[in-house]
Protein backbone atom coordinates (compact mmCIF):
# COMPACT_ATOMS: atom_id res chain seq x y z
CA MET A 1 199.57 72.22 102.96
CA LYS A 2 201.27 69.93 100.48
CA CYS A 3 199.25 66.88 101.56
CA TYR A 4 195.79 68.59 101.22
CA GLN A 5 193.30 66.89 98.94
CA LYS A 6 189.77 68.25 98.70
CA ASP A 7 187.23 66.13 100.44
CA TYR A 8 189.93 63.73 101.69
CA PRO A 9 188.33 62.56 105.08
CA ARG A 10 191.63 62.14 107.06
CA PRO A 11 193.71 65.37 106.29
CA GLN A 12 196.57 64.34 108.80
CA PHE A 13 197.35 60.96 107.37
CA VAL A 14 197.18 61.08 103.51
CA ARG A 15 197.75 58.38 101.00
CA ARG A 16 197.09 58.90 97.34
CA ASN A 17 195.35 55.62 96.42
CA TRP A 18 191.86 56.08 97.82
CA GLU A 19 188.20 56.20 96.87
CA ASN A 20 185.32 57.92 98.20
CA LEU A 21 182.40 55.87 98.60
CA ASN A 22 179.84 58.59 99.27
CA GLY A 23 176.94 58.83 96.94
CA LEU A 24 173.80 56.84 96.12
CA TRP A 25 173.32 53.65 98.19
CA ASP A 26 170.49 51.25 98.32
CA PHE A 27 168.67 51.56 101.51
CA ALA A 28 165.83 49.88 103.72
CA PHE A 29 164.25 50.13 106.88
CA ASP A 30 164.06 47.02 108.93
CA ASP A 31 161.38 47.86 111.64
CA SER A 32 160.67 44.21 112.53
CA ASN A 33 164.33 43.33 112.62
CA LYS A 34 164.14 40.42 110.25
CA GLY A 35 167.02 41.36 107.95
CA GLU A 36 169.65 39.24 109.52
CA GLN A 37 167.41 36.25 109.78
CA GLU A 38 166.44 36.63 106.10
CA LYS A 39 170.08 37.18 105.14
CA TRP A 40 169.63 40.51 103.39
CA TYR A 41 173.35 40.62 103.17
CA ASN A 42 173.22 37.92 100.55
CA ASN A 43 170.36 39.38 98.51
CA PHE A 44 169.50 42.95 99.36
CA SER A 45 165.99 44.09 98.24
CA GLY A 46 165.61 47.37 99.66
CA SER A 47 163.46 49.66 97.40
CA LEU A 48 164.79 53.04 98.74
CA LYS A 49 167.92 55.06 97.83
CA ILE A 50 169.91 57.36 100.10
CA GLN A 51 172.66 59.78 99.74
CA VAL A 52 175.51 58.74 101.89
CA PRO A 53 176.74 60.31 104.23
CA PHE A 54 173.47 62.05 105.10
CA THR A 55 171.07 60.21 107.49
CA TYR A 56 167.68 59.23 106.54
CA GLU A 57 166.28 61.91 108.84
CA SER A 58 167.85 64.70 106.81
CA ALA A 59 166.67 66.34 103.64
CA LEU A 60 169.91 65.85 101.75
CA SER A 61 169.54 62.10 102.23
CA GLY A 62 166.66 62.12 99.75
CA ILE A 63 164.35 60.34 102.31
CA HIS A 64 163.70 63.00 105.06
CA ASP A 65 161.89 60.92 107.60
CA ASN A 66 162.16 62.11 111.19
CA THR A 67 160.50 58.91 112.52
CA PRO A 68 162.82 56.73 114.73
CA HIS A 69 163.74 53.47 113.08
CA ASN A 70 166.07 51.19 115.13
CA ASN A 71 167.34 49.01 112.37
CA ILE A 72 168.43 50.20 108.93
CA TRP A 73 170.36 48.78 105.98
CA TYR A 74 172.65 50.00 103.39
CA HIS A 75 174.02 48.41 100.22
CA ARG A 76 176.20 49.34 97.22
CA ILE A 77 178.39 47.90 94.54
CA PHE A 78 182.01 49.00 94.35
CA HIS A 79 184.90 47.88 92.19
CA VAL A 80 188.34 46.57 93.24
CA ASN A 81 191.55 46.41 91.22
CA GLY A 82 192.84 42.79 91.68
CA ALA A 83 196.27 43.81 90.60
CA LEU A 84 196.58 46.23 93.53
CA LEU A 85 195.43 43.54 95.98
CA GLN A 86 198.55 41.49 95.16
CA GLU A 87 200.76 43.85 97.32
CA ASN A 88 198.16 45.93 99.27
CA ASN A 89 195.40 45.49 101.88
CA TYR A 90 191.96 47.05 101.17
CA ILE A 91 190.73 49.08 104.19
CA LEU A 92 187.16 50.30 104.39
CA HIS A 93 186.73 53.28 106.62
CA PHE A 94 183.74 54.84 108.32
CA GLU A 95 184.30 58.27 109.69
CA GLY A 96 181.25 58.16 111.79
CA CYS A 97 178.19 55.82 112.00
CA ASP A 98 175.57 55.89 114.82
CA PHE A 99 175.46 53.57 116.68
CA HIS A 100 176.16 49.79 116.33
CA THR A 101 177.47 48.97 112.86
CA LYS A 102 177.65 45.50 111.26
CA LEU A 103 179.52 44.96 107.87
CA TRP A 104 179.22 42.32 105.27
CA ILE A 105 181.38 41.96 101.98
CA ASN A 106 180.05 39.82 99.25
CA GLY A 107 177.72 38.08 101.88
CA GLU A 108 180.49 37.36 104.34
CA TYR A 109 180.53 38.97 107.73
CA ALA A 110 183.46 41.31 108.11
CA GLY A 111 183.00 42.81 111.72
CA CYS A 112 181.29 45.30 113.75
CA HIS A 113 181.74 48.46 115.81
CA SER A 114 179.79 50.33 118.46
CA GLY A 115 179.74 54.11 118.92
CA GLY A 116 178.56 56.97 116.87
CA TYR A 117 181.43 59.52 116.92
CA ALA A 118 184.91 57.76 116.50
CA ARG A 119 186.25 56.68 113.21
CA PHE A 120 186.55 52.92 112.56
CA SER A 121 188.00 50.73 109.89
CA PHE A 122 187.87 47.12 108.52
CA ASP A 123 190.52 45.25 106.61
CA VAL A 124 188.37 43.40 104.12
CA THR A 125 191.20 42.18 101.77
CA ASN A 126 190.38 38.42 102.22
CA LEU A 127 186.77 39.00 101.20
CA LEU A 128 187.31 40.67 97.93
CA LYS A 129 187.49 39.65 94.44
CA ASP A 130 188.76 41.36 91.28
CA GLY A 131 186.13 43.68 89.81
CA GLU A 132 182.57 43.98 91.15
CA ASN A 133 181.95 43.59 94.97
CA HIS A 134 179.06 44.13 97.36
CA VAL A 135 179.05 45.89 100.57
CA THR A 136 176.26 45.69 103.01
CA VAL A 137 175.91 47.52 106.20
CA LYS A 138 173.35 47.09 109.06
CA VAL A 139 173.08 49.79 111.66
CA GLU A 140 171.31 49.47 115.01
CA ASP A 141 170.30 52.49 117.03
CA SER A 142 167.80 53.43 119.60
CA PHE A 143 166.70 55.91 122.27
CA ASP A 144 168.80 54.14 124.90
CA LEU A 145 170.10 56.84 127.33
CA GLN A 146 173.11 54.83 128.17
CA MET A 147 174.67 55.43 124.73
CA PRO A 148 176.58 58.74 124.02
CA ARG A 149 174.12 60.68 122.02
CA GLY A 150 174.78 64.41 122.66
CA LYS A 151 172.02 66.72 121.58
CA GLN A 152 170.10 63.96 119.92
CA ARG A 153 166.49 63.71 121.25
CA TRP A 154 165.33 60.48 122.83
CA LYS A 155 161.52 61.16 122.25
CA ASP A 156 159.59 61.28 119.01
CA GLU A 157 159.52 65.02 118.97
CA ASN A 158 162.08 67.81 119.59
CA TYR A 159 162.13 69.34 123.17
CA GLY A 160 164.12 71.69 125.12
CA VAL A 161 167.51 71.74 123.63
CA PHE A 162 167.35 68.40 122.14
CA TYR A 163 166.95 67.80 118.28
CA VAL A 164 166.20 65.28 115.69
CA GLN A 165 168.12 62.13 116.19
CA THR A 166 171.00 60.93 113.93
CA THR A 167 170.90 57.22 112.74
CA GLY A 168 173.28 55.35 110.74
CA ILE A 169 176.16 56.68 108.48
CA TRP A 170 176.59 60.33 108.92
CA LYS A 171 180.23 60.90 107.98
CA THR A 172 182.25 59.77 104.77
CA VAL A 173 182.72 56.24 103.89
CA TRP A 174 185.90 55.50 101.95
CA SER A 175 188.44 52.90 101.07
CA GLU A 176 192.10 52.91 100.37
CA TYR A 177 194.77 50.44 99.24
CA VAL A 178 197.42 50.15 101.98
CA PRO A 179 200.76 48.46 101.52
CA GLN A 180 201.13 45.32 103.49
CA ILE A 181 204.13 46.86 105.09
CA CYS A 182 202.98 50.18 106.16
CA LEU A 183 202.97 53.09 108.70
CA SER A 184 199.90 52.34 110.67
CA ASP A 185 199.95 55.19 113.22
CA ILE A 186 201.92 58.19 113.98
CA LYS A 187 201.69 60.39 117.16
CA MET A 188 203.19 63.88 116.82
CA THR A 189 204.01 65.75 120.01
CA PRO A 190 205.63 69.31 119.65
CA ASN A 191 208.25 70.10 122.21
CA LEU A 192 208.54 73.93 121.97
CA GLN A 193 211.04 74.27 124.84
CA ASP A 194 213.58 72.05 123.07
CA THR A 195 212.49 72.88 119.69
CA ARG A 196 211.93 69.28 118.80
CA LEU A 197 209.08 67.21 117.33
CA GLU A 198 208.66 64.01 119.29
CA LEU A 199 207.28 61.10 117.05
CA GLU A 200 205.83 57.79 118.11
CA ALA A 201 205.48 55.66 115.02
CA CYS A 202 204.08 52.21 114.64
CA ILE A 203 204.80 49.87 111.65
CA GLN A 204 202.37 47.20 110.47
CA ALA A 205 204.11 44.24 108.66
CA PRO A 206 204.21 40.49 108.69
CA ALA A 207 206.69 39.10 111.37
CA GLU A 208 209.07 37.94 108.60
CA ALA A 209 209.53 41.44 107.32
CA PHE A 210 211.24 42.72 110.44
CA ASP A 211 214.74 41.60 109.45
CA GLY A 212 216.57 44.70 110.61
CA ASN A 213 216.18 46.47 107.29
CA LEU A 214 213.00 48.45 107.82
CA PHE A 215 213.54 52.31 108.07
CA LEU A 216 211.35 55.20 108.74
CA GLU A 217 212.27 58.30 106.80
CA THR A 218 210.88 61.77 107.75
CA THR A 219 211.17 64.83 105.68
CA ILE A 220 210.01 68.08 107.09
CA SER A 221 209.58 71.53 105.23
CA PHE A 222 208.03 74.84 105.90
CA ASN A 223 206.55 76.88 103.06
CA GLY A 224 208.89 74.94 100.57
CA TYR A 225 211.94 75.46 102.81
CA PRO A 226 213.70 72.33 103.86
CA VAL A 227 213.84 71.89 107.54
CA SER A 228 214.94 68.25 108.42
CA LYS A 229 215.32 64.92 106.95
CA THR A 230 216.04 61.92 109.20
CA CYS A 231 216.05 58.10 108.65
CA ILE A 232 215.51 55.83 111.70
CA ALA A 233 216.13 52.26 112.13
CA PRO A 234 215.87 49.37 112.83
CA PHE A 235 212.45 48.21 113.53
CA ASP A 236 212.03 44.57 114.54
CA ASN A 237 209.23 42.32 115.39
CA MET A 238 209.57 42.99 119.13
CA ASN A 239 209.62 46.71 118.60
CA ARG A 240 207.08 47.87 116.10
CA ASN A 241 206.71 51.18 117.85
CA ILE A 242 209.65 53.59 118.04
CA LYS A 243 210.02 57.11 119.61
CA ILE A 244 212.28 59.70 117.99
CA GLY A 245 212.90 63.24 118.26
CA ILE A 246 213.70 65.62 115.41
CA ASP A 247 215.37 69.03 115.90
CA LEU A 248 213.96 71.92 114.15
CA HIS A 249 216.76 74.47 114.27
CA SER A 250 216.77 75.19 110.58
CA GLU A 251 216.39 78.15 108.35
CA VAL A 252 212.77 78.46 107.31
CA SER A 253 212.53 82.22 106.59
CA ASN A 254 214.46 85.06 105.22
CA THR A 255 215.82 86.17 108.51
CA ASP A 256 219.53 85.80 109.52
CA GLU A 257 218.90 83.45 112.39
CA PRO A 258 217.31 79.98 112.30
CA THR A 259 213.61 80.34 113.42
CA VAL A 260 211.12 77.76 114.83
CA LYS A 261 207.70 78.91 113.65
CA THR A 262 204.87 78.58 116.23
CA TRP A 263 201.16 78.16 115.73
CA SER A 264 198.67 80.60 117.16
CA PRO A 265 195.40 82.22 116.02
CA GLU A 266 197.29 85.16 114.87
CA HIS A 267 199.99 83.13 112.98
CA PRO A 268 198.70 79.50 112.28
CA ASP A 269 202.24 78.35 110.94
CA LEU A 270 202.15 74.63 109.92
CA TYR A 271 204.99 72.41 108.95
CA ASP A 272 204.66 69.77 106.17
CA ILE A 273 205.89 66.37 106.99
CA GLU A 274 206.27 63.23 104.77
CA PHE A 275 206.72 59.69 106.03
CA ARG A 276 208.22 56.88 104.03
CA ILE A 277 208.77 53.23 104.91
CA LEU A 278 211.96 52.02 103.32
CA LYS A 279 213.46 48.46 102.91
CA ASN A 280 216.54 47.84 101.12
CA GLY A 281 216.25 51.19 99.44
CA ALA A 282 212.63 50.63 98.16
CA VAL A 283 209.67 52.92 99.21
CA LEU A 284 207.01 50.63 100.54
CA ASP A 285 204.68 53.32 101.94
CA GLN A 286 204.39 56.97 101.85
CA VAL A 287 202.14 59.27 103.89
CA GLY A 288 201.69 62.98 103.82
CA SER A 289 200.91 65.10 106.94
CA TYR A 290 201.50 68.25 108.78
CA PHE A 291 202.13 69.42 112.31
CA ALA A 292 202.51 72.73 114.36
CA MET A 293 204.87 73.75 117.09
CA ARG A 294 202.83 75.19 119.71
CA ASP A 295 202.66 74.73 123.51
CA ILE A 296 199.51 75.06 125.57
CA ARG A 297 199.86 74.97 129.37
CA ILE A 298 198.44 76.38 132.69
CA GLU A 299 200.59 78.32 135.15
CA GLY A 300 198.51 79.33 138.29
CA CYS A 301 195.35 81.13 137.21
CA ARG A 302 196.60 81.72 133.53
CA ILE A 303 196.47 79.71 130.42
CA LEU A 304 199.53 80.19 128.27
CA LEU A 305 199.81 79.61 124.45
CA ASN A 306 203.36 79.54 123.48
CA ARG A 307 204.42 80.85 126.82
CA SER A 308 202.14 83.97 126.44
CA PRO A 309 198.69 84.61 128.15
CA LEU A 310 195.86 83.47 126.09
CA TYR A 311 192.41 85.15 126.28
CA GLN A 312 189.89 82.96 124.75
CA ARG A 313 186.90 84.40 122.79
CA LEU A 314 184.88 81.33 122.06
CA LEU A 315 181.62 80.45 120.34
CA LEU A 316 179.53 77.41 121.32
CA ASP A 317 179.32 75.46 118.07
CA GLN A 318 176.87 72.73 117.76
CA GLY A 319 177.63 71.93 114.14
CA TYR A 320 173.99 71.65 112.78
CA TRP A 321 172.83 72.42 109.30
CA LYS A 322 169.13 72.75 108.23
CA ASP A 323 169.23 70.28 105.47
CA SER A 324 171.82 67.81 106.69
CA LEU A 325 171.70 67.86 110.55
CA LEU A 326 174.88 66.97 112.11
CA THR A 327 176.64 66.26 108.70
CA PRO A 328 178.38 69.14 106.84
CA PRO A 329 176.73 69.59 103.55
CA CYS A 330 180.12 69.89 101.83
CA GLU A 331 183.63 71.05 102.73
CA GLU A 332 182.92 74.56 101.51
CA ALA A 333 180.25 74.83 104.43
CA ILE A 334 182.85 73.98 106.86
CA TRP A 335 185.24 76.55 105.56
CA GLU A 336 182.50 79.24 105.45
CA ASP A 337 181.56 78.66 109.09
CA ILE A 338 185.11 79.13 110.32
CA GLU A 339 185.52 82.33 108.07
CA LYS A 340 182.39 83.79 109.56
CA ILE A 341 183.27 82.93 113.14
CA LEU A 342 186.67 84.66 112.65
CA ALA A 343 185.05 87.58 110.85
CA MET A 344 183.00 88.17 114.13
CA GLY A 345 186.30 88.50 116.19
CA PHE A 346 186.13 85.12 117.91
CA ASN A 347 189.37 83.07 118.14
CA GLY A 348 187.87 79.60 118.99
CA VAL A 349 184.89 77.35 119.37
CA ARG A 350 183.78 74.98 121.94
CA LYS A 351 182.50 72.18 119.72
CA HIS A 352 179.46 71.22 121.68
CA GLN A 353 178.34 67.66 122.27
CA LYS A 354 179.80 66.48 118.99
CA ILE A 355 183.03 65.20 117.44
CA GLU A 356 183.16 67.15 114.23
CA ASP A 357 184.14 66.02 110.83
CA GLU A 358 188.03 65.86 110.71
CA ARG A 359 188.07 68.32 107.83
CA PHE A 360 186.83 70.94 110.10
CA LEU A 361 189.83 70.26 112.50
CA TYR A 362 191.99 70.59 109.34
CA TRP A 363 190.51 74.05 108.38
CA CYS A 364 190.80 75.02 111.97
CA ASP A 365 194.55 74.10 111.94
CA VAL A 366 195.04 76.17 108.83
CA LYS A 367 193.04 79.16 109.66
CA GLY A 368 194.09 79.47 113.32
CA LEU A 369 190.82 78.54 115.06
CA LEU A 370 191.04 77.25 118.68
CA VAL A 371 188.95 74.27 119.51
CA TRP A 372 187.69 72.71 122.71
CA SER A 373 186.89 69.11 121.91
CA GLU A 374 183.85 67.90 123.70
CA MET A 375 182.35 64.39 123.98
CA ALA A 376 178.68 63.70 123.32
CA ALA A 377 176.92 62.78 126.55
CA ALA A 378 175.06 59.68 127.56
CA PHE A 379 172.14 60.62 130.00
CA LEU A 380 171.89 57.48 132.25
CA TYR A 381 174.66 56.44 134.52
CA SER A 382 175.44 52.58 134.50
CA ASP A 383 178.40 50.23 134.14
CA SER A 384 177.21 49.92 130.33
CA ALA A 385 177.30 53.67 129.95
CA LEU A 386 180.62 54.27 131.51
CA SER A 387 182.23 51.30 129.57
CA GLU A 388 180.92 52.70 126.44
CA PHE A 389 181.78 56.20 127.00
CA THR A 390 185.39 55.36 128.07
CA ARG A 391 186.09 53.27 125.09
CA GLU A 392 184.85 55.73 122.65
CA TRP A 393 186.27 58.75 124.21
CA LEU A 394 189.77 57.30 124.28
CA GLU A 395 189.46 56.42 120.55
CA ILE A 396 188.53 59.99 119.84
CA VAL A 397 191.38 61.63 121.93
CA ARG A 398 193.95 59.34 120.16
CA GLN A 399 192.52 59.92 116.61
CA ASN A 400 192.44 63.76 117.08
CA TYR A 401 195.68 64.03 119.05
CA ASN A 402 197.77 65.51 116.23
CA HIS A 403 195.70 68.60 115.55
CA PRO A 404 197.18 71.67 117.00
CA CYS A 405 193.77 73.57 116.89
CA ILE A 406 192.59 71.47 119.85
CA ILE A 407 193.69 72.99 123.03
CA THR A 408 191.35 71.59 125.58
CA TRP A 409 189.59 68.32 126.11
CA THR A 410 186.04 68.41 127.49
CA PRO A 411 184.68 64.93 128.20
CA PHE A 412 181.53 66.12 130.31
CA ASN A 413 179.11 68.88 130.17
CA GLU A 414 176.59 70.15 132.97
CA SER A 415 176.69 66.77 134.85
CA TRP A 416 174.75 65.19 131.91
CA GLY A 417 174.97 61.37 132.43
CA ILE A 418 176.52 62.03 135.87
CA THR A 419 173.59 63.63 137.44
CA ASN A 420 174.52 62.82 140.99
CA ILE A 421 178.16 63.79 140.75
CA LYS A 422 177.68 66.40 143.47
CA LYS A 423 177.41 63.59 146.18
CA ARG A 424 178.04 60.28 144.68
CA ARG A 425 181.44 58.89 144.96
CA ASP A 426 181.20 56.48 142.25
CA GLN A 427 180.31 59.21 139.62
CA GLN A 428 183.14 61.37 140.94
CA CYS A 429 185.64 58.43 140.61
CA PHE A 430 184.45 57.80 137.04
CA VAL A 431 184.93 61.48 135.95
CA ASN A 432 188.42 61.53 137.73
CA ALA A 433 189.32 58.27 135.89
CA ILE A 434 188.39 59.92 132.54
CA TYR A 435 190.58 62.87 133.43
CA TYR A 436 193.57 60.74 134.15
CA LEU A 437 193.17 58.45 131.19
CA THR A 438 192.90 61.46 129.05
CA LYS A 439 196.10 62.76 130.67
CA SER A 440 197.75 59.49 130.12
CA ILE A 441 197.37 59.92 126.38
CA ASP A 442 197.83 63.71 126.29
CA PRO A 443 199.67 65.11 129.40
CA ILE A 444 199.99 68.49 127.88
CA ARG A 445 196.48 69.90 127.03
CA PRO A 446 193.99 71.07 129.73
CA VAL A 447 191.16 68.74 130.59
CA ILE A 448 187.94 70.07 131.95
CA THR A 449 186.13 67.31 133.64
CA ASN A 450 182.57 68.75 133.93
CA ASP A 451 181.99 71.91 131.98
CA GLY A 452 179.74 74.42 133.69
CA TRP A 453 179.47 73.21 137.40
CA GLU A 454 180.12 70.55 139.91
CA HIS A 455 183.83 70.12 139.09
CA THR A 456 185.99 67.49 140.63
CA ILE A 457 189.64 67.70 139.57
CA SER A 458 189.81 70.12 136.52
CA ASP A 459 192.62 72.08 134.89
CA ILE A 460 190.16 74.94 134.14
CA ILE A 461 187.02 75.99 136.23
CA THR A 462 184.21 76.75 133.82
CA ILE A 463 181.02 78.63 134.76
CA HIS A 464 177.72 78.80 132.83
CA ASP A 465 175.99 81.96 133.66
CA TYR A 466 173.03 83.19 131.50
CA GLY A 467 172.34 86.26 133.49
CA GLN A 468 170.94 89.04 131.32
CA ASP A 469 171.62 91.95 133.59
CA ALA A 470 175.25 92.93 132.74
CA ASP A 471 175.87 95.02 135.88
CA ALA A 472 174.66 92.20 138.18
CA LEU A 473 176.73 89.61 136.19
CA LYS A 474 179.92 91.65 136.39
CA ASN A 475 179.33 92.41 140.15
CA ARG A 476 178.68 88.72 140.85
CA TRP A 477 181.95 87.49 139.45
CA SER A 478 184.12 90.52 140.30
CA GLU A 479 183.06 90.95 143.88
CA HIS A 480 181.87 87.51 144.97
CA LYS A 481 184.22 85.11 143.20
CA ASN A 482 185.45 83.25 146.23
CA GLU A 483 182.11 83.15 147.88
CA ILE A 484 180.31 81.63 144.83
CA LEU A 485 183.29 79.24 143.81
CA ASN A 486 183.46 77.88 147.36
CA ALA A 487 179.72 77.88 148.08
CA ASP A 488 177.80 74.73 148.34
CA THR A 489 174.96 76.39 146.57
CA SER A 490 174.40 79.89 145.41
CA PRO A 491 171.17 81.80 144.42
CA ASP A 492 173.01 83.53 141.69
CA VAL A 493 174.09 80.49 139.73
CA GLN A 494 172.45 77.28 138.68
CA ARG A 495 174.60 74.74 140.47
CA ALA A 496 177.51 74.62 142.87
CA ALA A 497 180.89 75.12 141.25
CA PHE A 498 182.31 71.96 142.85
CA ALA A 499 181.19 68.47 143.80
CA ASP A 500 181.30 67.50 147.44
CA GLY A 501 184.95 67.03 148.58
CA PHE A 502 186.44 69.19 145.98
CA SER A 503 187.33 72.91 146.10
CA TYR A 504 188.88 75.80 144.14
CA GLN A 505 192.60 75.48 143.87
CA GLY A 506 193.37 78.67 141.93
CA GLN A 507 192.81 77.43 138.49
CA PRO A 508 191.91 79.62 135.45
CA VAL A 509 188.30 80.60 135.36
CA ILE A 510 186.36 80.90 132.08
CA ILE A 511 182.62 81.72 131.58
CA SER A 512 182.05 78.89 129.18
CA GLU A 513 178.34 79.63 128.36
CA TYR A 514 176.48 82.90 128.57
CA GLY A 515 174.22 85.02 126.47
CA GLY A 516 171.86 82.88 124.58
CA ILE A 517 170.16 85.98 123.25
CA ALA A 518 167.37 85.32 120.74
CA ILE A 519 165.44 87.82 118.48
CA ASP A 520 161.69 87.68 119.41
CA THR A 521 159.90 86.87 116.04
CA GLY A 522 156.70 85.70 117.72
CA VAL A 523 157.59 82.06 116.99
CA PRO A 524 158.13 80.09 120.12
CA GLY A 525 161.80 78.99 120.64
CA TRP A 526 164.67 78.40 123.15
CA GLY A 527 166.62 81.57 124.21
CA ASN A 528 166.60 84.86 126.00
CA MET A 529 164.22 86.85 123.99
CA VAL A 530 164.83 90.52 122.93
CA LYS A 531 163.54 92.76 120.22
CA GLU A 532 165.67 92.88 117.03
CA GLU A 533 166.92 96.41 117.69
CA GLU A 534 167.99 95.27 121.14
CA PHE A 535 170.06 92.31 120.05
CA VAL A 536 173.45 94.09 119.68
CA GLN A 537 172.94 96.18 122.73
CA ARG A 538 172.34 93.18 124.92
CA PHE A 539 175.31 91.22 123.34
CA GLU A 540 177.57 94.19 124.01
CA SER A 541 176.66 94.85 127.61
CA ILE A 542 176.97 91.21 128.71
CA THR A 543 180.16 90.68 126.71
CA THR A 544 181.72 93.71 127.92
CA ALA A 545 180.82 92.96 131.47
CA ILE A 546 182.48 89.64 131.28
CA ARG A 547 185.64 91.15 129.57
CA GLN A 548 185.96 93.42 132.60
CA ILE A 549 186.14 90.88 135.15
CA PRO A 550 189.75 90.90 136.19
CA TYR A 551 190.62 87.34 136.72
CA VAL A 552 188.43 85.74 133.98
CA CYS A 553 190.52 84.43 131.07
CA GLY A 554 187.97 83.91 128.40
CA TYR A 555 184.33 83.42 127.49
CA CYS A 556 182.12 81.28 125.42
CA TYR A 557 179.07 82.82 123.82
CA THR A 558 176.02 80.72 123.08
CA GLN A 559 175.99 80.28 120.09
CA VAL A 560 177.15 80.29 116.41
CA THR A 561 173.91 79.47 114.70
CA ASP A 562 170.24 78.67 115.47
CA VAL A 563 169.48 74.96 115.65
CA GLN A 564 165.99 73.89 114.98
CA GLN A 565 163.94 75.31 117.94
CA GLU A 566 166.94 76.91 119.54
CA ILE A 567 167.01 80.42 118.23
CA ASN A 568 169.86 82.14 119.99
CA GLY A 569 172.55 82.00 117.27
CA LEU A 570 174.59 85.14 115.95
CA MET A 571 173.54 83.57 112.61
CA ASP A 572 170.36 81.65 111.51
CA MET A 573 170.49 78.15 110.27
CA ASP A 574 171.10 79.42 106.73
CA ARG A 575 174.18 81.14 108.08
CA ASN A 576 172.76 84.74 107.70
CA PHE A 577 174.19 87.13 110.09
CA LYS A 578 171.68 88.60 112.51
CA ALA A 579 173.95 91.66 113.28
CA ASP A 580 176.78 93.26 111.32
CA PRO A 581 179.85 91.02 111.93
CA GLU A 582 182.08 94.14 112.14
CA ILE A 583 180.08 95.35 115.10
CA ILE A 584 180.39 91.98 116.82
CA ARG A 585 184.08 91.96 116.10
CA ARG A 586 184.49 95.43 117.58
CA ILE A 587 182.86 94.30 120.78
CA ASN A 588 184.88 91.21 120.96
CA THR A 589 188.29 92.81 120.36
CA GLN A 590 187.82 95.90 122.64
CA PRO A 591 190.50 96.13 125.46
CA VAL A 592 190.38 93.49 128.12
CA ASN A 593 190.37 94.34 131.90
CA SER A 594 192.09 91.12 132.89
CA ALA A 595 195.16 89.74 134.58
CA ASN A 596 195.25 87.38 131.54
CA GLN A 597 195.70 90.06 128.89
CA GLU A 598 195.26 89.31 125.25
């Protein structure tokens, strides 16, 4: 893509004038929580150093301390070009910081944010000076089960399928100079039926700038071929948001007829798009991006991608690395994971209990890897928990809306944080509210309200079945589908498929967790243990059984890699294959006995 810059943290909204603030920062633990009272933001005295964006728990941070610390501090010096501040605002971005973040610039309080998974930003222009400046950050975290935490443990030691906690900055910190009159947001919706791109643009500017002479220019190309160029106006102070549609009936190939290129795993075609804000002929702001023309929808029991049945071969992906935990060690590591997943014949991932680095979504867009985006769960239901969850989930949906690789939203998993959803009306209402709020932002993508069991309203019905007897699994779902889906309980599956008051309405069905096969090395770990020589045989028998269930339109194997004590990955934590990827690929791509043919 034309807009691509290596290590740029926001690949779908690219400006040129930015600085990566990762690297060595001053660091301090504040276990007695005295830092604010002693005004550490004025005179930081921490003796430790940390490599941002790696959390202090990780080896790559340089600290590698797994002990929980509820209050931590960061500090570094950065430099500002005073001349650029004359016509630009200085925005400080945090791609991810867990959990409650407070910011000071040159000793002055700049703001705060709660939540561990969404991006947040601060305009700190008025607190800066030309030359050397100081940024100080305090992060507060805890084992509070009301906070979305995903697979992070809430005890001092790992247990079950929960791992070392993530505290503080765990994604890129960066800054950019942004023109005072700028494009602040863009929402891009492909309309494949009408071969149009629908845009919702928002302009940020002082009120006096809206004098009828502000224009938004868009230039679209595909592989260097010009597609469309439009200039839309006027914006005014009462209408800073504008919706436009761009026709894509243009020649973008060597064929005789105009062609609209579509995005799919087989052909992940992407369009370049450039936005410019103009006033009286002058360019005030310029942003590079990209988009794809693709349509994901449900018709009856089928999931359709670009009007064709889609059979999903997914891997559960928790996004952990041995030495950096939830943080990818580098962009190349992201790229390598995706390449290895594709090499094994999978066409997508269910990104489990984590909102991944946006560069991961970029490479999934480029390489054609489908993504289910799943929110990290809280584990205690309360007014505070649902408020925090709702706010952050809506931030995430909006931030990642433009990525074509995301084809499904999955806000909840296995009734985590909503443990009484089977019978309690308040928890059912909460889940349904999240479904409708998600649909209000994105009416197109499917939403799975509670992956695995106890669904309320849900566009796809997903089942978790870790049965290791392939024949029994196949028989269970081939011969007894309606009995199990409509049963209040069943001895063959862990939990009922639906919460009380809800029932199967003919939606598509996907086995969204299965397998979990682990090679028995004599070391205790979580997984269904087999001897090394039996690993591929077990994978093949169970996967083939699922692929032969006529109505099932996809599956998700657990999982990509081992994660600490969970040792059921197709790769270990060093990303070494446990079996020949060509054999796994052959198993994944054999003919499907399904009404939803590939």
